[in-house]
Amino acid sequence: MPAEPKPKAVAQQFLEALGIVTSCVTPQRLNVSSHAYTPNEPNTAAFIEPVSLRGKPGGPSGLFLDVAHMFMITDTDPSGNKRQWRVTTRMYQYSLLDHDQTDLLVYHWQPGADFGGPDHPHVHVSATLNARVDAITERPIGLHALHVATGRVSLEAIVRMLIDDFHIKPRRVGWRDLLDKTEAVFREEATQQA
């Protein structure tokens, strides 16, 4: 019977998957908190600063990506008899910014008292809608301050959106397959936390 993975091995596998995802659009590596392999401690993988994204023609797209992903290594056996470690997401913030590094889209999931927003996953959109309230009147609705509800959003979904919809140049051959493979791990984790 194979030995159960140790906390460090489980965290390394998780961080490797995050690195594969971001490498589909940037060579910049995520910076990891110094105690990233300590169980039951909040850890963060994040860019030091937003990274510039290349357009499909090869030049700058004028867009930037910022990522902050908080995770924790936890023991899945509540009795403590058999150590089975896994990584769980505690918070994420994925931001798409313009040339001036102004937020365009910010996907959040920040549950718990440590964060200021609502517990549910949501997106902030830097835009204003003009809603018709009757036949002649429009009312502006600023979306930037609203918490537009989403389900949990994977980093893979963000990267896929950047390539497909924002025409960011993929940096890896077979990026779709890579994202599909790593996203399966995200779906497994999200199912376990539901």
C-alpha atoms as a PDB file:
ATOM      1  CA  MET A   1       0.000   0.000   0.000  1.00  0.00           C
ATOM      2  CA  PRO A   2       1.527   3.363  -1.009  1.00  0.00           C
ATOM      3  CA  ALA A   3       2.294   5.882   1.720  1.00  0.00           C
ATOM      4  CA  GLU A   4      -0.119   8.774   2.106  1.00  0.00           C
ATOM      5  CA  PRO A   5       1.227  12.024   0.644  1.00  0.00           C
ATOM      6  CA  LYS A   6       2.806  14.409   3.130  1.00  0.00           C
ATOM      7  CA  PRO A   7       1.529  17.998   3.526  1.00  0.00           C
ATOM      8  CA  LYS A   8       4.446  19.426   1.540  1.00  0.00           C
ATOM      9  CA  ALA A   9       3.849  17.044  -1.387  1.00  0.00           C
ATOM     10  CA  VAL A  10       0.137  17.886  -1.493  1.00  0.00           C
ATOM     11  CA  ALA A  11       0.876  21.634  -1.426  1.00  0.00           C
ATOM     12  CA  GLN A  12       3.562  21.303  -4.107  1.00  0.00           C
ATOM     13  CA  GLN A  13       1.128  19.476  -6.382  1.00  0.00           C
ATOM     14  CA  PHE A  14      -1.482  22.214  -5.860  1.00  0.00           C
ATOM     15  CA  LEU A  15       1.023  25.004  -6.497  1.00  0.00           C
ATOM     16  CA  GLU A  16       2.365  23.233  -9.580  1.00  0.00           C
ATOM     17  CA  ALA A  17      -1.179  23.144 -10.981  1.00  0.00           C
ATOM     18  CA  LEU A  18      -1.644  26.890 -10.328  1.00  0.00           C
ATOM     19  CA  GLY A  19       1.701  27.523 -12.043  1.00  0.00           C
ATOM     20  CA  ILE A  20       0.662  25.497 -15.080  1.00  0.00           C
ATOM     21  CA  VAL A  21      -2.540  27.527 -15.344  1.00  0.00           C
ATOM     22  CA  THR A  22      -0.868  30.931 -15.157  1.00  0.00           C
ATOM     23  CA  SER A  23       1.920  29.810 -17.523  1.00  0.00           C
ATOM     24  CA  CYS A  24      -0.709  29.558 -20.253  1.00  0.00           C
ATOM     25  CA  VAL A  25      -0.740  33.396 -20.417  1.00  0.00           C
ATOM     26  CA  THR A  26       2.387  34.680 -18.636  1.00  0.00           C
ATOM     27  CA  PRO A  27       5.951  33.626 -17.847  1.00  0.00           C
ATOM     28  CA  GLN A  28       5.634  35.333 -14.438  1.00  0.00           C
ATOM     29  CA  ARG A  29       5.542  32.899 -11.525  1.00  0.00           C
ATOM     30  CA  LEU A  30       3.261  33.176  -8.536  1.00  0.00           C
ATOM     31  CA  ASN A  31       4.982  34.194  -5.317  1.00  0.00           C
ATOM     32  CA  VAL A  32       4.193  31.787  -2.470  1.00  0.00           C
ATOM     33  CA  SER A  33       4.040  32.642   1.235  1.00  0.00           C
ATOM     34  CA  SER A  34       7.081  31.505   3.209  1.00  0.00           C
ATOM     35  CA  HIS A  35       5.160  28.937   5.281  1.00  0.00           C
ATOM     36  CA  ALA A  36       3.371  27.408   2.284  1.00  0.00           C
ATOM     37  CA  TYR A  37       3.889  23.852   3.485  1.00  0.00           C
ATOM     38  CA  THR A  38       2.655  24.290   7.055  1.00  0.00           C
ATOM     39  CA  PRO A  39      -0.641  22.488   7.721  1.00  0.00           C
ATOM     40  CA  ASN A  40      -3.616  24.453   9.032  1.00  0.00           C
ATOM     41  CA  GLU A  41      -2.022  27.812   8.235  1.00  0.00           C
ATOM     42  CA  PRO A  42      -3.432  30.175   5.609  1.00  0.00           C
ATOM     43  CA  ASN A  43      -1.014  30.408   2.677  1.00  0.00           C
ATOM     44  CA  THR A  44      -1.081  32.630  -0.366  1.00  0.00           C
ATOM     45  CA  ALA A  45       0.062  32.260  -3.955  1.00  0.00           C
ATOM     46  CA  ALA A  46      -0.012  35.611  -5.744  1.00  0.00           C
ATOM     47  CA  PHE A  47       1.701  37.729  -8.332  1.00  0.00           C
ATOM     48  CA  ILE A  48       3.954  40.351  -6.746  1.00  0.00           C
ATOM     49  CA  GLU A  49       2.350  42.866  -9.079  1.00  0.00           C
ATOM     50  CA  PRO A  50      -0.119  42.584 -11.963  1.00  0.00           C
ATOM     51  CA  VAL A  51       1.385  40.954 -15.058  1.00  0.00           C
ATOM     52  CA  SER A  52       1.120  42.317 -18.585  1.00  0.00           C
ATOM     53  CA  LEU A  53      -0.671  40.063 -21.067  1.00  0.00           C
ATOM     54  CA  ARG A  54       0.319  39.691 -24.728  1.00  0.00           C
ATOM     55  CA  GLY A  55      -2.238  40.009 -27.502  1.00  0.00           C
ATOM     56  CA  LYS A  56      -2.632  37.310 -30.161  1.00  0.00           C
ATOM     57  CA  PRO A  57      -0.735  39.373 -32.756  1.00  0.00           C
ATOM     58  CA  GLY A  58       2.199  39.224 -30.312  1.00  0.00           C
ATOM     59  CA  GLY A  59       2.331  42.742 -28.921  1.00  0.00           C
ATOM     60  CA  PRO A  60       1.038  44.081 -25.626  1.00  0.00           C
ATOM     61  CA  SER A  61      -2.704  43.731 -25.211  1.00  0.00           C
ATOM     62  CA  GLY A  62      -2.983  46.668 -22.820  1.00  0.00           C
ATOM     63  CA  LEU A  63      -4.443  44.256 -20.255  1.00  0.00           C
ATOM     64  CA  PHE A  64      -3.010  42.984 -16.986  1.00  0.00           C
ATOM     65  CA  LEU A  65      -3.825  39.994 -14.802  1.00  0.00           C
ATOM     66  CA  ASP A  66      -3.514  39.886 -11.039  1.00  0.00           C
ATOM     67  CA  VAL A  67      -4.016  36.740  -8.978  1.00  0.00           C
ATOM     68  CA  ALA A  68      -4.232  36.117  -5.239  1.00  0.00           C
ATOM     69  CA  HIS A  69      -5.170  32.610  -4.121  1.00  0.00           C
ATOM     70  CA  MET A  70      -5.279  31.728  -0.432  1.00  0.00           C
ATOM     71  CA  PHE A  71      -5.164  28.040   0.473  1.00  0.00           C
ATOM     72  CA  MET A  72      -4.719  25.763   3.463  1.00  0.00           C
ATOM     73  CA  ILE A  73      -3.368  22.248   3.874  1.00  0.00           C
ATOM     74  CA  THR A  74      -5.866  20.307   5.987  1.00  0.00           C
ATOM     75  CA  ASP A  75      -6.196  16.791   7.360  1.00  0.00           C
ATOM     76  CA  THR A  76      -9.294  15.132   5.908  1.00  0.00           C
ATOM     77  CA  ASP A  77      -9.553  12.593   8.734  1.00  0.00           C
ATOM     78  CA  PRO A  78     -11.316  14.395  11.616  1.00  0.00           C
ATOM     79  CA  SER A  79     -10.376  11.627  14.069  1.00  0.00           C
ATOM     80  CA  GLY A  80      -6.688  12.203  13.385  1.00  0.00           C
ATOM     81  CA  ASN A  81      -6.061   8.445  13.217  1.00  0.00           C
ATOM     82  CA  LYS A  82      -4.963   8.427   9.597  1.00  0.00           C
ATOM     83  CA  ARG A  83      -3.347  11.529   8.163  1.00  0.00           C
ATOM     84  CA  GLN A  84      -4.825  12.302   4.752  1.00  0.00           C
ATOM     85  CA  TRP A  85      -3.791  15.737   3.601  1.00  0.00           C
ATOM     86  CA  ARG A  86      -5.413  17.909   0.963  1.00  0.00           C
ATOM     87  CA  VAL A  87      -5.328  21.532  -0.080  1.00  0.00           C
ATOM     88  CA  THR A  88      -8.457  23.638   0.175  1.00  0.00           C
ATOM     89  CA  THR A  89      -9.048  27.100  -1.224  1.00  0.00           C
ATOM     90  CA  ARG A  90      -9.817  29.712   1.418  1.00  0.00           C
ATOM     91  CA  MET A  91     -10.063  32.799  -0.798  1.00  0.00           C
ATOM     92  CA  TYR A  92      -9.390  33.940  -4.333  1.00  0.00           C
ATOM     93  CA  GLN A  93      -9.213  37.231  -6.164  1.00  0.00           C
ATOM     94  CA  TYR A  94      -8.632  37.244  -9.921  1.00  0.00           C
ATOM     95  CA  SER A  95      -8.432  40.700 -11.502  1.00  0.00           C
ATOM     96  CA  LEU A  96      -8.356  41.839 -15.106  1.00  0.00           C
ATOM     97  CA  LEU A  97      -6.986  45.371 -15.336  1.00  0.00           C
ATOM     98  CA  ASP A  98      -6.496  47.912 -18.102  1.00  0.00           C
ATOM     99  CA  HIS A  99      -3.299  49.720 -19.152  1.00  0.00           C
ATOM    100  CA  ASP A 100      -3.586  52.098 -16.170  1.00  0.00           C
ATOM    101  CA  GLN A 101      -4.121  49.052 -13.931  1.00  0.00           C
ATOM    102  CA  THR A 102      -7.699  50.052 -13.243  1.00  0.00           C
ATOM    103  CA  ASP A 103      -9.939  47.083 -12.429  1.00  0.00           C
ATOM    104  CA  LEU A 104     -12.132  45.940 -15.304  1.00  0.00           C
ATOM    105  CA  LEU A 105     -13.311  42.623 -13.841  1.00  0.00           C
ATOM    106  CA  VAL A 106     -12.560  41.341 -10.345  1.00  0.00           C
ATOM    107  CA  TYR A 107     -13.680  37.842  -9.380  1.00  0.00           C
ATOM    108  CA  HIS A 108     -13.829  37.328  -5.612  1.00  0.00           C
ATOM    109  CA  TRP A 109     -14.552  34.563  -3.204  1.00  0.00           C
ATOM    110  CA  GLN A 110     -13.727  35.824   0.272  1.00  0.00           C
ATOM    111  CA  PRO A 111     -15.735  33.866   2.823  1.00  0.00           C
ATOM    112  CA  GLY A 112     -15.529  34.516   6.538  1.00  0.00           C
ATOM    113  CA  ALA A 113     -15.020  37.351   8.960  1.00  0.00           C
ATOM    114  CA  ASP A 114     -11.440  38.036   7.810  1.00  0.00           C
ATOM    115  CA  PHE A 115     -12.720  39.669   4.626  1.00  0.00           C
ATOM    116  CA  GLY A 116     -14.910  42.732   4.138  1.00  0.00           C
ATOM    117  CA  GLY A 117     -17.253  41.559   1.412  1.00  0.00           C
ATOM    118  CA  PRO A 118     -20.018  39.010   1.197  1.00  0.00           C
ATOM    119  CA  ASP A 119     -19.247  35.310   1.669  1.00  0.00           C
ATOM    120  CA  HIS A 120     -20.617  34.248  -1.715  1.00  0.00           C
ATOM    121  CA  PRO A 121     -18.523  34.183  -4.914  1.00  0.00           C
ATOM    122  CA  HIS A 122     -19.067  37.293  -7.003  1.00  0.00           C
ATOM    123  CA  VAL A 123     -17.646  39.586  -9.673  1.00  0.00           C
ATOM    124  CA  HIS A 124     -17.189  43.346  -9.775  1.00  0.00           C
ATOM    125  CA  VAL A 125     -17.602  44.869 -13.230  1.00  0.00           C
ATOM    126  CA  SER A 126     -16.140  48.285 -14.000  1.00  0.00           C
ATOM    127  CA  ALA A 127     -19.089  49.535 -16.012  1.00  0.00           C
ATOM    128  CA  THR A 128     -22.382  51.337 -15.752  1.00  0.00           C
ATOM    129  CA  LEU A 129     -25.624  50.031 -17.210  1.00  0.00           C
ATOM    130  CA  ASN A 130     -28.399  52.355 -18.321  1.00  0.00           C
ATOM    131  CA  ALA A 131     -31.560  50.538 -17.259  1.00  0.00           C
ATOM    132  CA  ARG A 132     -34.930  51.538 -18.667  1.00  0.00           C
ATOM    133  CA  VAL A 133     -37.312  52.061 -15.747  1.00  0.00           C
ATOM    134  CA  ASP A 134     -40.250  53.161 -17.901  1.00  0.00           C
ATOM    135  CA  ALA A 135     -40.941  54.214 -21.488  1.00  0.00           C
ATOM    136  CA  ILE A 136     -38.866  57.404 -21.277  1.00  0.00           C
ATOM    137  CA  THR A 137     -36.631  57.150 -18.220  1.00  0.00           C
ATOM    138  CA  GLU A 138     -33.275  55.470 -17.836  1.00  0.00           C
ATOM    139  CA  ARG A 139     -31.513  54.916 -14.536  1.00  0.00           C
ATOM    140  CA  PRO A 140     -27.751  54.340 -14.398  1.00  0.00           C
ATOM    141  CA  ILE A 141     -26.637  51.321 -12.386  1.00  0.00           C
ATOM    142  CA  GLY A 142     -22.955  51.348 -11.450  1.00  0.00           C
ATOM    143  CA  LEU A 143     -21.785  47.724 -11.460  1.00  0.00           C
ATOM    144  CA  HIS A 144     -18.362  48.389  -9.914  1.00  0.00           C
ATOM    145  CA  ALA A 145     -19.767  48.627  -6.379  1.00  0.00           C
ATOM    146  CA  LEU A 146     -22.122  45.661  -6.753  1.00  0.00           C
ATOM    147  CA  HIS A 147     -21.330  42.067  -5.848  1.00  0.00           C
ATOM    148  CA  VAL A 148     -22.709  40.328  -8.940  1.00  0.00           C
ATOM    149  CA  ALA A 149     -23.227  36.711  -7.887  1.00  0.00           C
ATOM    150  CA  THR A 150     -21.310  33.904  -9.570  1.00  0.00           C
ATOM    151  CA  GLY A 151     -20.563  30.321  -8.680  1.00  0.00           C
ATOM    152  CA  ARG A 152     -17.027  29.534  -7.590  1.00  0.00           C
ATOM    153  CA  VAL A 153     -14.806  30.488 -10.499  1.00  0.00           C
ATOM    154  CA  SER A 154     -11.647  28.571 -11.285  1.00  0.00           C
ATOM    155  CA  LEU A 155      -8.435  30.255 -12.330  1.00  0.00           C
ATOM    156  CA  GLU A 156      -8.612  27.954 -15.358  1.00  0.00           C
ATOM    157  CA  ALA A 157     -11.919  29.556 -16.374  1.00  0.00           C
ATOM    158  CA  ILE A 158     -10.352  33.016 -16.119  1.00  0.00           C
ATOM    159  CA  VAL A 159      -7.353  32.021 -18.260  1.00  0.00           C
ATOM    160  CA  ARG A 160      -9.649  30.345 -20.813  1.00  0.00           C
ATOM    161  CA  MET A 161     -11.746  33.542 -20.966  1.00  0.00           C
ATOM    162  CA  LEU A 162      -8.624  35.670 -21.447  1.00  0.00           C
ATOM    163  CA  ILE A 163      -7.467  33.581 -24.414  1.00  0.00           C
ATOM    164  CA  ASP A 164     -10.856  32.981 -26.053  1.00  0.00           C
ATOM    165  CA  ASP A 165     -12.691  36.245 -25.380  1.00  0.00           C
ATOM    166  CA  PHE A 166      -9.993  38.851 -24.720  1.00  0.00           C
ATOM    167  CA  HIS A 167      -7.661  37.490 -27.451  1.00  0.00           C
ATOM    168  CA  ILE A 168      -4.666  37.007 -25.165  1.00  0.00           C
ATOM    169  CA  LYS A 169      -1.892  35.030 -26.822  1.00  0.00           C
ATOM    170  CA  PRO A 170      -1.533  31.570 -25.274  1.00  0.00           C
ATOM    171  CA  ARG A 171       2.024  30.817 -24.179  1.00  0.00           C
ATOM    172  CA  ARG A 172       1.700  27.033 -24.148  1.00  0.00           C
ATOM    173  CA  VAL A 173       0.917  24.514 -26.839  1.00  0.00           C
ATOM    174  CA  GLY A 174      -2.002  22.347 -25.735  1.00  0.00           C
ATOM    175  CA  TRP A 175      -3.216  24.978 -23.279  1.00  0.00           C
ATOM    176  CA  ARG A 176      -6.843  23.788 -23.523  1.00  0.00           C
ATOM    177  CA  ASP A 177      -5.913  20.260 -22.442  1.00  0.00           C
ATOM    178  CA  LEU A 178      -3.729  21.606 -19.627  1.00  0.00           C
ATOM    179  CA  LEU A 179      -6.552  23.801 -18.327  1.00  0.00           C
ATOM    180  CA  ASP A 180      -9.079  20.967 -18.572  1.00  0.00           C
ATOM    181  CA  LYS A 181      -6.771  18.652 -16.621  1.00  0.00           C
ATOM    182  CA  THR A 182      -6.000  21.102 -13.800  1.00  0.00           C
ATOM    183  CA  GLU A 183      -9.599  22.314 -13.627  1.00  0.00           C
ATOM    184  CA  ALA A 184     -10.721  18.765 -12.809  1.00  0.00           C
ATOM    185  CA  VAL A 185      -8.810  19.134  -9.513  1.00  0.00           C
ATOM    186  CA  PHE A 186     -10.619  22.429  -8.803  1.00  0.00           C
ATOM    187  CA  ARG A 187     -13.997  20.796  -9.460  1.00  0.00           C
ATOM    188  CA  GLU A 188     -13.112  17.949  -7.094  1.00  0.00           C
ATOM    189  CA  GLU A 189     -12.174  20.403  -4.343  1.00  0.00           C
ATOM    190  CA  ALA A 190     -15.281  22.545  -4.884  1.00  0.00           C
ATOM    191  CA  THR A 191     -17.456  19.430  -4.643  1.00  0.00           C
ATOM    192  CA  GLN A 192     -15.811  18.389  -1.363  1.00  0.00           C
ATOM    193  CA  GLN A 193     -16.404  21.828   0.167  1.00  0.00           C
ATOM    194  CA  ALA A 194     -20.063  22.095  -0.898  1.00  0.00           C
END
